Amino acid sequence: MTDAGKNSERSAYDVVVIGAGPVGENVADRARAAGLSTAVVESELVGGECSYWACMPSKALLRPVVARADARRVPGLSAAVQGPLDVEAVLADRDEEASHWKDDGQVAWLESVGADVHRGTGRLTGPREVTVTAPDGTEHRLTARHAVAVCTGSRAVVPSLPGVEEARPWTSREATSAKEAPGRLVIVGGGVVGVEMATVWQALGSEVTLLIRGSGLLPKMEPFAGELVADALTEAGARIRTGVSVTALRRPAPDGPVTVELDDGDRIEADEILFATGRAPRTDDLGLETIGLEPGSWLTVDDSCRVEGTDWLYAVGDVNHRALLTHQGKYQARIAGAAIAARTGKTPLDTAPWGAHAATADHGAVPQVVFTDPEAASVGLTLAEAERAGHRVRAVDHDLAAVAGSGLYADGYRGRARMIVDLDREILLGVTFVGPGIGELLHSATIAVAGEVPIARLWHAVPAYPTISEVWLRLLEAFRG
């Protein structure tokens, strides 16, 4: 590991990466694979938000919840799994999946690919220059011969409300790392974080209330996705209130309950409150002002992830606001790393749609799975998005419960599938599945959308019987008539 504590020392690299989450790690890996010397700067844990406070711990918490729900729908097994979850064991497994919030393994991996790791806060102090402030306050200056990649990600937004500081609300970090289940939990927001954490803590014994400003859950998906998830959460015991906003919080005793005041005059008392109300870029303290950019702003990039108006600065992952998902950020990192290598070697770039140096999938083939019960998964455009974009489309729907594989998967299976067909090109622009066990179906849809596979060719992709994947055949039959 590089020593970042030598005052006034200057080091030169081909590429300097600020942020060592999955995105920064992948940029560094691609740069090193191209033979470029690479430094990575990290102010917290190497591995980033995903490894310690988002993807890994949240899915570790969700897995036993969903597995028990699935088992309860299987004849001959359901009676054996009616009891409560072992909360202590679930939380212990979560701790293991989060590496007990230690990053030794991630640091070792970065070093194994030949990247130098610098501990501290990295700030731009001019073109191709990053100054690292180490934990002991000393500074170390890095220069980049070719590129600086900003991979600092995003942070949870907590609204400015009366009493918010004394209330000490949870964000996604506290929700995924909590050491015990709160007796009463209020969750503000009906997006992915809100519904996943509602699923977890309701199953682990909390009394959950979801407060939604809009009319339903998962507003970025097809409407039926949020409806089916809401039905299941309600049946599990959660309360969902739509069309309401929080106006103030009160927590007079540090260890006492929090009172949540709503715009309809109602008040709710809870032990904890989680705000899952959006993300902001971690660019406030990045030194953007030294290169003529606005601190705290999202960074606008081209399809190679190079920041507009520069020939050396890249912004990869959440920070560019294209698709705030770990897997999409890693995809961008592979594209950006290849583009940096090509520009460094002065070789031609392929930035045409779906080219080697273009993150085209960000525009129309972004996959996402929401790990609730039932799962919700989508890729590409919704019907509303496709219509707004001016496409001539048709939505084709099918009841997932009518597929033989679904009936074998669970008694009382409930789910739905939709594909959005571009009628002019006869390709798929989007696909949505909602139902138990459908997360692993999504990649087939992603291939169809990203590959722009003609409907006529999909007709020859025969699904195995009896699997839930047979829904593909039913969707195609419905389209053909």
Protein backbone atom coordinates (compact mmCIF):
# COMPACT_ATOMS: atom_id res chain seq x y z
CA MET A 1 0.00 0.00 0.00
CA THR A 2 1.31 3.43 -0.86
CA ASP A 3 2.14 5.64 2.12
CA ALA A 4 -0.04 8.75 1.74
CA GLY A 5 1.33 10.47 4.81
CA LYS A 6 4.54 12.03 3.53
CA ASN A 7 4.04 15.76 3.54
CA SER A 8 4.52 17.56 0.21
CA GLU A 9 5.50 14.34 -1.62
CA ARG A 10 4.41 14.31 -5.25
CA SER A 11 3.66 11.12 -7.18
CA ALA A 12 2.84 10.78 -10.86
CA TYR A 13 0.56 8.12 -12.33
CA ASP A 14 -1.10 7.55 -15.67
CA VAL A 15 -4.52 7.41 -13.99
CA VAL A 16 -5.77 8.62 -10.61
CA VAL A 17 -9.10 7.26 -9.35
CA ILE A 18 -10.97 9.07 -6.55
CA GLY A 19 -13.21 6.59 -4.76
CA ALA A 20 -12.58 2.88 -4.21
CA GLY A 21 -16.08 1.48 -4.35
CA PRO A 22 -16.96 -1.16 -6.96
CA VAL A 23 -16.89 1.50 -9.67
CA GLY A 24 -13.48 2.88 -8.78
CA GLU A 25 -12.12 -0.64 -8.37
CA ASN A 26 -13.25 -1.55 -11.87
CA VAL A 27 -11.79 1.60 -13.43
CA ALA A 28 -8.50 0.80 -11.73
CA ASP A 29 -8.64 -2.82 -12.90
CA ARG A 30 -9.25 -1.86 -16.53
CA ALA A 31 -6.53 0.80 -16.42
CA ARG A 32 -4.02 -1.64 -14.96
CA ALA A 33 -5.01 -4.31 -17.49
CA ALA A 34 -4.05 -1.82 -20.19
CA GLY A 35 -0.64 -1.34 -18.59
CA LEU A 36 -1.36 2.09 -17.07
CA SER A 37 0.03 2.99 -13.64
CA THR A 38 -2.93 3.68 -11.36
CA ALA A 39 -3.54 5.25 -7.96
CA VAL A 40 -6.80 4.87 -6.05
CA VAL A 41 -7.81 7.29 -3.29
CA GLU A 42 -10.36 6.31 -0.63
CA SER A 43 -11.56 8.24 2.43
CA GLU A 44 -13.64 5.44 4.00
CA LEU A 45 -13.66 1.69 3.32
CA VAL A 46 -12.28 0.20 0.13
CA GLY A 47 -15.29 -1.53 -1.42
CA GLY A 48 -17.61 1.43 -0.96
CA GLU A 49 -21.30 1.79 -0.22
CA CYS A 50 -22.33 -1.42 -1.97
CA SER A 51 -20.11 -3.69 0.08
CA TYR A 52 -20.87 -2.33 3.54
CA TRP A 53 -24.13 -0.35 3.58
CA ALA A 54 -26.15 -1.18 0.46
CA CYS A 55 -26.19 -4.18 -1.90
CA MET A 56 -24.44 -6.83 0.19
CA PRO A 57 -25.90 -6.22 3.66
CA SER A 58 -29.39 -5.44 2.37
CA LYS A 59 -29.57 -8.59 0.27
CA ALA A 60 -28.17 -10.66 3.12
CA LEU A 61 -31.03 -9.34 5.26
CA LEU A 62 -33.60 -9.98 2.53
CA ARG A 63 -32.55 -13.49 1.55
CA PRO A 64 -33.97 -15.36 4.60
CA VAL A 65 -37.12 -13.24 4.47
CA VAL A 66 -37.84 -14.16 0.85
CA ALA A 67 -36.72 -17.80 1.30
CA ARG A 68 -39.16 -18.25 4.18
CA ALA A 69 -41.96 -16.63 2.19
CA ASP A 70 -41.29 -18.99 -0.73
CA ALA A 71 -41.11 -22.02 1.57
CA ARG A 72 -44.45 -21.13 3.15
CA ARG A 73 -46.07 -21.58 -0.26
CA VAL A 74 -44.72 -25.09 -0.86
CA PRO A 75 -46.98 -28.05 0.08
CA GLY A 76 -45.32 -30.36 2.58
CA LEU A 77 -42.93 -27.64 3.71
CA SER A 78 -45.14 -24.73 4.69
CA ALA A 79 -46.06 -26.10 8.12
CA ALA A 80 -42.39 -26.36 9.08
CA VAL A 81 -41.58 -22.71 8.43
CA GLN A 82 -44.41 -20.83 10.15
CA GLY A 83 -42.30 -19.67 13.07
CA PRO A 84 -40.34 -16.42 13.34
CA LEU A 85 -36.95 -15.85 11.80
CA ASP A 86 -33.86 -16.17 13.99
CA VAL A 87 -33.10 -12.44 14.10
CA GLU A 88 -29.72 -12.88 15.74
CA ALA A 89 -28.61 -15.35 13.06
CA VAL A 90 -29.89 -13.12 10.25
CA LEU A 91 -27.99 -10.12 11.59
CA ALA A 92 -24.86 -12.20 12.13
CA ASP A 93 -24.95 -13.36 8.52
CA ARG A 94 -25.43 -9.75 7.43
CA ASP A 95 -22.33 -8.82 9.40
CA GLU A 96 -20.39 -11.59 7.66
CA GLU A 97 -21.53 -10.49 4.20
CA ALA A 98 -20.47 -6.93 5.06
CA SER A 99 -17.03 -8.28 6.09
CA HIS A 100 -17.70 -6.90 9.58
CA TRP A 101 -17.07 -3.47 8.07
CA LYS A 102 -13.39 -4.22 7.48
CA ASP A 103 -11.84 -3.79 4.05
CA ASP A 104 -8.68 -5.91 4.23
CA GLY A 105 -9.86 -8.27 1.49
CA GLN A 106 -10.83 -5.45 -0.86
CA VAL A 107 -7.50 -3.68 -0.32
CA ALA A 108 -5.65 -6.91 -1.02
CA TRP A 109 -7.57 -7.35 -4.28
CA LEU A 110 -6.72 -3.83 -5.49
CA GLU A 111 -3.09 -4.35 -4.65
CA SER A 112 -3.14 -7.71 -6.45
CA VAL A 113 -3.99 -5.96 -9.74
CA GLY A 114 -1.15 -3.50 -9.21
CA ALA A 115 -3.04 -0.38 -8.11
CA ASP A 116 -1.60 1.83 -5.36
CA VAL A 117 -4.09 2.61 -2.59
CA HIS A 118 -3.93 6.02 -0.91
CA ARG A 119 -5.91 6.48 2.31
CA GLY A 120 -7.44 9.90 2.77
CA THR A 121 -9.72 12.49 1.21
CA GLY A 122 -8.93 13.24 -2.42
CA ARG A 123 -9.64 16.71 -3.83
CA LEU A 124 -8.95 18.17 -7.23
CA THR A 125 -6.49 21.04 -6.93
CA GLY A 126 -6.15 21.73 -10.64
CA PRO A 127 -6.18 19.94 -13.99
CA ARG A 128 -4.89 16.37 -13.62
CA GLU A 129 -3.95 17.03 -10.00
CA VAL A 130 -5.38 15.42 -6.85
CA THR A 131 -4.30 16.33 -3.32
CA VAL A 132 -4.86 13.62 -0.72
CA THR A 133 -5.37 14.67 2.89
CA ALA A 134 -4.40 11.71 5.05
CA PRO A 135 -6.17 10.87 8.33
CA ASP A 136 -3.30 12.53 10.24
CA GLY A 137 -3.78 15.78 8.31
CA THR A 138 -0.72 15.58 6.11
CA GLU A 139 -1.07 16.11 2.37
CA HIS A 140 0.18 14.11 -0.56
CA ARG A 141 -0.12 15.38 -4.12
CA LEU A 142 -0.83 13.05 -7.03
CA THR A 143 -0.63 13.99 -10.69
CA ALA A 144 -2.27 12.11 -13.53
CA ARG A 145 -0.53 12.00 -16.88
CA HIS A 146 -3.69 11.03 -18.70
CA ALA A 147 -6.89 10.84 -16.64
CA VAL A 148 -8.56 11.43 -13.30
CA ALA A 149 -11.70 9.35 -12.68
CA VAL A 150 -14.20 10.61 -10.10
CA CYS A 151 -15.98 7.59 -8.61
CA THR A 152 -17.17 9.08 -5.34
CA GLY A 153 -20.76 7.86 -5.63
CA SER A 154 -23.76 9.37 -3.91
CA ARG A 155 -25.14 9.89 -0.41
CA ALA A 156 -28.60 9.62 1.05
CA VAL A 157 -30.62 12.84 1.20
CA VAL A 158 -32.36 13.75 4.44
CA PRO A 159 -34.83 16.62 3.98
CA SER A 160 -34.39 19.78 6.01
CA LEU A 161 -37.29 19.61 8.44
CA PRO A 162 -37.97 21.13 11.85
CA GLY A 163 -36.54 18.78 14.48
CA VAL A 164 -34.61 16.60 12.07
CA GLU A 165 -31.29 16.96 13.88
CA GLU A 166 -32.63 15.97 17.28
CA ALA A 167 -34.58 13.09 15.69
CA ARG A 168 -31.38 11.51 14.31
CA PRO A 169 -33.20 9.72 11.46
CA TRP A 170 -31.88 6.62 9.76
CA THR A 171 -30.64 6.66 6.20
CA SER A 172 -29.98 3.52 4.17
CA ARG A 173 -26.69 3.10 6.06
CA GLU A 174 -28.32 2.80 9.48
CA ALA A 175 -31.14 0.66 8.08
CA THR A 176 -28.76 -1.95 6.70
CA SER A 177 -26.35 -1.97 9.65
CA ALA A 178 -28.75 -1.78 12.62
CA LYS A 179 -27.93 -4.16 15.48
CA GLU A 180 -31.55 -4.88 16.43
CA ALA A 181 -35.04 -4.54 15.05
CA PRO A 182 -36.82 -1.38 16.22
CA GLY A 183 -40.22 -1.96 17.76
CA ARG A 184 -41.86 0.63 15.50
CA LEU A 185 -40.26 1.85 12.29
CA VAL A 186 -41.55 4.63 10.04
CA ILE A 187 -40.15 4.63 6.51
CA VAL A 188 -40.49 7.75 4.38
CA GLY A 189 -40.32 6.95 0.66
CA GLY A 190 -41.70 4.21 -1.56
CA GLY A 191 -38.75 3.57 -3.85
CA VAL A 192 -36.41 0.59 -3.85
CA VAL A 193 -34.73 1.31 -0.51
CA GLY A 194 -38.07 2.00 1.17
CA VAL A 195 -39.81 -1.19 0.05
CA GLU A 196 -36.79 -3.44 0.60
CA MET A 197 -36.22 -2.15 4.13
CA ALA A 198 -39.95 -2.40 4.87
CA THR A 199 -39.78 -6.04 3.76
CA VAL A 200 -36.76 -6.76 5.98
CA TRP A 201 -37.75 -5.10 9.22
CA GLN A 202 -41.41 -6.14 9.08
CA ALA A 203 -40.24 -9.76 8.81
CA LEU A 204 -37.70 -9.28 11.63
CA GLY A 205 -40.39 -8.10 14.02
CA SER A 206 -40.78 -4.36 13.55
CA GLU A 207 -44.14 -2.66 13.19
CA VAL A 208 -43.60 -0.83 9.89
CA THR A 209 -45.42 2.21 8.52
CA LEU A 210 -44.59 3.44 5.01
CA LEU A 211 -45.29 7.10 4.25
CA ILE A 212 -45.54 7.91 0.54
CA ARG A 213 -45.88 11.39 -0.92
CA GLY A 214 -47.19 10.02 -4.22
CA SER A 215 -49.88 7.51 -5.06
CA GLY A 216 -47.97 4.24 -4.90
CA LEU A 217 -44.76 2.25 -4.49
CA LEU A 218 -41.92 1.83 -7.00
CA PRO A 219 -42.96 4.81 -9.15
CA LYS A 220 -40.18 4.26 -11.71
CA MET A 221 -41.53 0.83 -12.64
CA GLU A 222 -44.74 -0.25 -14.32
CA PRO A 223 -47.68 0.59 -11.98
CA PHE A 224 -48.58 -3.05 -11.38
CA ALA A 225 -45.14 -3.68 -9.81
CA GLY A 226 -45.79 -1.29 -6.94
CA GLU A 227 -49.36 -2.53 -6.57
CA LEU A 228 -48.35 -6.18 -6.13
CA VAL A 229 -45.55 -5.30 -3.71
CA ALA A 230 -47.92 -3.05 -1.72
CA ASP A 231 -50.49 -5.85 -1.47
CA ALA A 232 -47.86 -8.24 -0.11
CA LEU A 233 -46.48 -5.74 2.41
CA THR A 234 -49.97 -4.98 3.65
CA GLU A 235 -50.75 -8.69 4.04
CA ALA A 236 -47.50 -9.07 6.00
CA GLY A 237 -48.69 -6.43 8.45
CA ALA A 238 -47.11 -3.19 7.23
CA ARG A 239 -49.20 -0.02 7.00
CA ILE A 240 -48.92 2.06 3.83
CA ARG A 241 -50.14 5.64 3.71
CA THR A 242 -50.07 7.46 0.38
CA GLY A 243 -50.44 11.13 -0.44
CA VAL A 244 -48.82 12.31 2.79
CA SER A 245 -45.67 14.28 3.64
CA VAL A 246 -43.67 14.70 6.83
CA THR A 247 -43.66 18.29 8.08
CA ALA A 248 -41.70 18.01 11.35
CA LEU A 249 -40.03 15.61 13.77
CA ARG A 250 -39.71 15.67 17.56
CA ARG A 251 -37.45 13.55 19.77
CA PRO A 252 -37.03 15.37 23.09
CA ALA A 253 -35.31 12.44 24.83
CA PRO A 254 -32.21 11.07 23.06
CA ASP A 255 -33.22 7.47 23.77
CA GLY A 256 -36.94 8.07 23.51
CA PRO A 257 -39.43 7.70 20.67
CA VAL A 258 -39.67 10.06 17.70
CA THR A 259 -42.92 11.83 16.86
CA VAL A 260 -43.59 12.26 13.15
CA GLU A 261 -45.91 15.12 12.18
CA LEU A 262 -47.73 14.87 8.84
CA ASP A 263 -49.21 17.49 6.53
CA ASP A 264 -52.73 16.15 7.15
CA GLY A 265 -52.41 17.00 10.85
CA ASP A 266 -51.84 13.43 11.98
CA ARG A 267 -48.97 12.31 14.23
CA ILE A 268 -47.22 8.96 14.39
CA GLU A 269 -44.94 7.79 17.18
CA ALA A 270 -42.07 5.44 16.30
CA ASP A 271 -38.81 4.13 17.71
CA GLU A 272 -36.91 4.95 14.52
CA ILE A 273 -37.60 6.79 11.28
CA LEU A 274 -35.87 6.00 7.98
CA PHE A 275 -35.71 8.54 5.17
CA ALA A 276 -35.41 6.80 1.79
CA THR A 277 -36.08 9.90 -0.25
CA GLY A 278 -33.32 10.11 -2.82
CA ARG A 279 -29.59 10.53 -3.35
CA ALA A 280 -27.19 13.42 -3.92
CA PRO A 281 -23.72 13.32 -5.54
CA ARG A 282 -20.70 13.20 -3.28
CA THR A 283 -19.00 16.13 -4.97
CA ASP A 284 -19.36 18.84 -2.30
CA ASP A 285 -15.77 18.61 -1.09
CA LEU A 286 -14.13 17.42 -4.30
CA GLY A 287 -12.44 20.65 -5.39
CA LEU A 288 -14.59 21.05 -8.50
CA GLU A 289 -14.32 24.83 -8.19
CA THR A 290 -10.59 24.59 -9.02
CA ILE A 291 -11.44 23.41 -12.52
CA GLY A 292 -14.47 25.59 -13.18
CA LEU A 293 -17.22 23.17 -12.11
CA GLU A 294 -19.93 23.54 -9.48
CA PRO A 295 -19.30 21.86 -6.10
CA GLY A 296 -22.08 19.50 -5.11
CA SER A 297 -23.30 19.03 -8.69
CA TRP A 298 -23.86 15.90 -10.71
CA LEU A 299 -21.19 15.61 -13.40
CA THR A 300 -22.44 15.52 -16.99
CA VAL A 301 -20.57 13.07 -19.18
CA ASP A 302 -20.55 11.70 -22.72
CA ASP A 303 -21.07 8.01 -23.42
CA SER A 304 -17.42 7.24 -22.65
CA CYS A 305 -18.01 8.80 -19.21
CA ARG A 306 -15.68 11.72 -19.90
CA VAL A 307 -16.89 14.95 -18.28
CA GLU A 308 -18.15 17.38 -20.87
CA GLY A 309 -15.75 20.24 -21.57
CA THR A 310 -12.63 18.33 -20.47
CA ASP A 311 -10.19 15.97 -22.13
CA TRP A 312 -8.89 14.31 -18.93
CA LEU A 313 -11.68 14.11 -16.32
CA TYR A 314 -14.05 11.14 -16.10
CA ALA A 315 -17.07 10.72 -13.82
CA VAL A 316 -18.19 7.13 -13.42
CA GLY A 317 -21.07 5.57 -11.49
CA ASP A 318 -23.68 7.38 -9.38
CA VAL A 319 -21.82 10.69 -9.62
CA ASN A 320 -22.85 11.16 -13.27
CA HIS A 321 -26.54 10.53 -12.48
CA ARG A 322 -27.09 8.21 -15.46
CA ALA A 323 -28.10 5.05 -13.62
CA LEU A 324 -27.65 4.85 -9.84
CA LEU A 325 -27.06 1.10 -9.62
CA THR A 326 -23.90 -0.77 -8.69
CA HIS A 327 -23.94 -3.08 -11.68
CA GLN A 328 -24.52 -0.17 -14.04
CA GLY A 329 -21.65 1.77 -12.48
CA LYS A 330 -19.35 -1.21 -12.94
CA TYR A 331 -20.46 -1.40 -16.57
CA GLN A 332 -19.62 2.27 -17.01
CA ALA A 333 -16.25 1.61 -15.36
CA ARG A 334 -15.41 -1.05 -17.93
CA ILE A 335 -16.37 1.35 -20.72
CA ALA A 336 -14.48 4.29 -19.21
CA GLY A 337 -11.39 2.18 -18.52
CA ALA A 338 -11.32 1.00 -22.11
CA ALA A 339 -11.80 4.57 -23.37
CA ILE A 340 -8.99 5.90 -21.18
CA ALA A 341 -6.69 3.17 -22.46
CA ALA A 342 -7.61 3.87 -26.09
CA ARG A 343 -7.09 7.60 -25.76
CA THR A 344 -3.81 7.06 -23.94
CA GLY A 345 -2.60 4.80 -26.72
CA LYS A 346 -4.01 7.16 -29.34
CA THR A 347 -6.02 4.35 -30.89
CA PRO A 348 -9.42 4.93 -32.53
CA LEU A 349 -12.45 4.93 -30.27
CA ASP A 350 -15.67 3.08 -31.07
CA THR A 351 -18.29 5.40 -29.59
CA ALA A 352 -21.13 4.38 -31.89
CA PRO A 353 -24.18 2.93 -30.09
CA TRP A 354 -23.21 -0.37 -28.45
CA GLY A 355 -19.55 0.27 -29.32
CA ALA A 356 -16.65 -0.73 -27.07
CA HIS A 357 -16.29 2.81 -25.73
CA ALA A 358 -19.96 3.81 -25.36
CA ALA A 359 -22.13 3.13 -22.30
CA THR A 360 -25.21 2.75 -24.51
CA ALA A 361 -27.05 0.50 -22.06
CA ASP A 362 -27.48 3.50 -19.74
CA HIS A 363 -30.04 4.90 -22.16
CA GLY A 364 -32.30 1.97 -22.83
CA ALA A 365 -31.24 -1.33 -21.25
CA VAL A 366 -30.78 -0.73 -17.53
CA PRO A 367 -31.73 -3.83 -15.50
CA GLN A 368 -32.87 -3.74 -11.88
CA VAL A 369 -34.21 -6.27 -9.40
CA VAL A 370 -36.12 -5.24 -6.28
CA PHE A 371 -35.63 -8.06 -3.77
CA THR A 372 -39.01 -7.85 -2.05
CA ASP A 373 -41.68 -10.54 -1.75
CA PRO A 374 -42.76 -10.68 -4.53
CA GLU A 375 -39.65 -9.68 -6.44
CA ALA A 376 -39.97 -6.95 -9.05
CA ALA A 377 -37.56 -6.81 -11.99
CA SER A 378 -37.36 -4.64 -15.07
CA VAL A 379 -35.09 -3.66 -17.93
CA GLY A 380 -35.45 -0.93 -20.52
CA LEU A 381 -38.44 1.35 -20.88
CA THR A 382 -41.83 1.24 -19.24
CA LEU A 383 -44.93 1.77 -21.38
CA ALA A 384 -45.19 5.40 -20.23
CA GLU A 385 -41.51 6.08 -20.93
CA ALA A 386 -41.70 4.54 -24.40
CA GLU A 387 -44.77 6.59 -25.28
CA ARG A 388 -43.17 9.80 -23.99
CA ALA A 389 -40.13 9.07 -26.13
CA GLY A 390 -42.36 8.95 -29.22
CA HIS A 391 -42.13 5.24 -29.98
CA ARG A 392 -45.07 3.44 -31.57
CA VAL A 393 -45.44 0.62 -29.09
CA ARG A 394 -47.70 -2.09 -27.76
CA ALA A 395 -47.71 -3.47 -24.22
CA VAL A 396 -48.21 -7.24 -24.02
CA ASP A 397 -49.18 -8.65 -20.62
CA HIS A 398 -49.48 -12.12 -19.17
CA ASP A 399 -50.52 -13.51 -15.81
CA LEU A 400 -47.46 -15.30 -14.42
CA ALA A 401 -49.71 -17.54 -12.35
CA ALA A 402 -50.98 -19.09 -15.59
CA VAL A 403 -47.54 -20.56 -16.40
CA ALA A 404 -47.01 -24.19 -15.36
CA GLY A 405 -43.68 -23.46 -13.70
CA SER A 406 -45.23 -20.84 -11.46
CA GLY A 407 -47.80 -23.27 -10.12
CA LEU A 408 -45.03 -25.71 -9.26
CA TYR A 409 -42.95 -22.96 -7.66
CA ALA A 410 -45.61 -21.94 -5.16
CA ASP A 411 -49.22 -22.48 -4.20
CA GLY A 412 -51.28 -19.35 -4.76
CA TYR A 413 -48.62 -17.82 -6.99
CA ARG A 414 -49.32 -14.19 -7.91
CA GLY A 415 -47.37 -12.31 -10.56
CA ARG A 416 -47.43 -10.50 -13.85
CA ALA A 417 -45.22 -10.01 -16.89
CA ARG A 418 -45.17 -7.26 -19.49
CA MET A 419 -43.11 -6.66 -22.60
CA ILE A 420 -43.05 -3.39 -24.56
CA VAL A 421 -42.79 -4.00 -28.30
CA ASP A 422 -41.53 -1.38 -30.75
CA LEU A 423 -44.07 -1.94 -33.55
CA ASP A 424 -41.91 -0.31 -36.22
CA ARG A 425 -38.79 -2.41 -35.58
CA GLU A 426 -40.48 -5.41 -33.89
CA ILE A 427 -37.94 -5.52 -31.06
CA LEU A 428 -38.40 -5.20 -27.31
CA LEU A 429 -37.90 -1.84 -25.63
CA GLY A 430 -38.65 -3.02 -22.13
CA VAL A 431 -39.70 -5.98 -19.99
CA THR A 432 -41.08 -6.15 -16.44
CA PHE A 433 -41.65 -9.20 -14.25
CA VAL A 434 -43.25 -9.24 -10.81
CA GLY A 435 -43.62 -12.43 -8.79
CA PRO A 436 -41.79 -14.84 -6.50
CA GLY A 437 -38.51 -16.13 -7.92
CA ILE A 438 -38.38 -13.92 -11.01
CA GLY A 439 -35.10 -12.09 -10.31
CA GLU A 440 -33.10 -14.66 -12.25
CA LEU A 441 -35.48 -14.25 -15.22
CA LEU A 442 -34.29 -10.73 -15.80
CA HIS A 443 -31.07 -11.43 -17.63
CA SER A 444 -32.92 -13.14 -20.45
CA ALA A 445 -34.92 -9.94 -20.87
CA THR A 446 -31.77 -7.84 -20.66
CA ILE A 447 -30.19 -9.82 -23.48
CA ALA A 448 -33.33 -9.43 -25.61
CA VAL A 449 -33.46 -5.66 -25.04
CA ALA A 450 -29.74 -4.87 -25.25
CA GLY A 451 -29.29 -7.22 -28.20
CA GLU A 452 -32.32 -5.76 -29.99
CA VAL A 453 -33.31 -9.35 -30.79
CA PRO A 454 -36.13 -9.39 -33.37
CA ILE A 455 -39.44 -10.82 -32.21
CA ALA A 456 -39.23 -13.29 -35.09
CA ARG A 457 -35.98 -14.69 -33.67
CA LEU A 458 -37.24 -14.77 -30.09
CA TRP A 459 -39.97 -17.12 -31.34
CA HIS A 460 -37.18 -19.68 -31.82
CA ALA A 461 -35.80 -19.28 -28.27
CA VAL A 462 -37.64 -22.24 -26.75
CA PRO A 463 -38.18 -22.05 -22.94
CA ALA A 464 -37.69 -25.27 -21.00
CA TYR A 465 -40.83 -26.86 -19.57
CA PRO A 466 -41.99 -26.55 -16.85
CA THR A 467 -40.21 -23.34 -15.83
CA ILE A 468 -41.42 -19.84 -15.08
CA SER A 469 -39.43 -18.81 -18.16
CA GLU A 470 -42.25 -20.25 -20.24
CA VAL A 471 -43.87 -16.85 -19.77
CA TRP A 472 -41.71 -15.77 -22.74
CA LEU A 473 -43.64 -18.14 -25.01
CA ARG A 474 -46.97 -16.91 -23.65
CA LEU A 475 -46.00 -13.27 -24.19
CA LEU A 476 -44.93 -13.97 -27.78
CA GLU A 477 -48.13 -15.92 -28.47
CA ALA A 478 -50.19 -13.02 -27.15
CA PHE A 479 -48.32 -10.61 -29.41
CA ARG A 480 -48.68 -12.78 -32.51
CA GLY A 481 -52.35 -13.54 -31.80
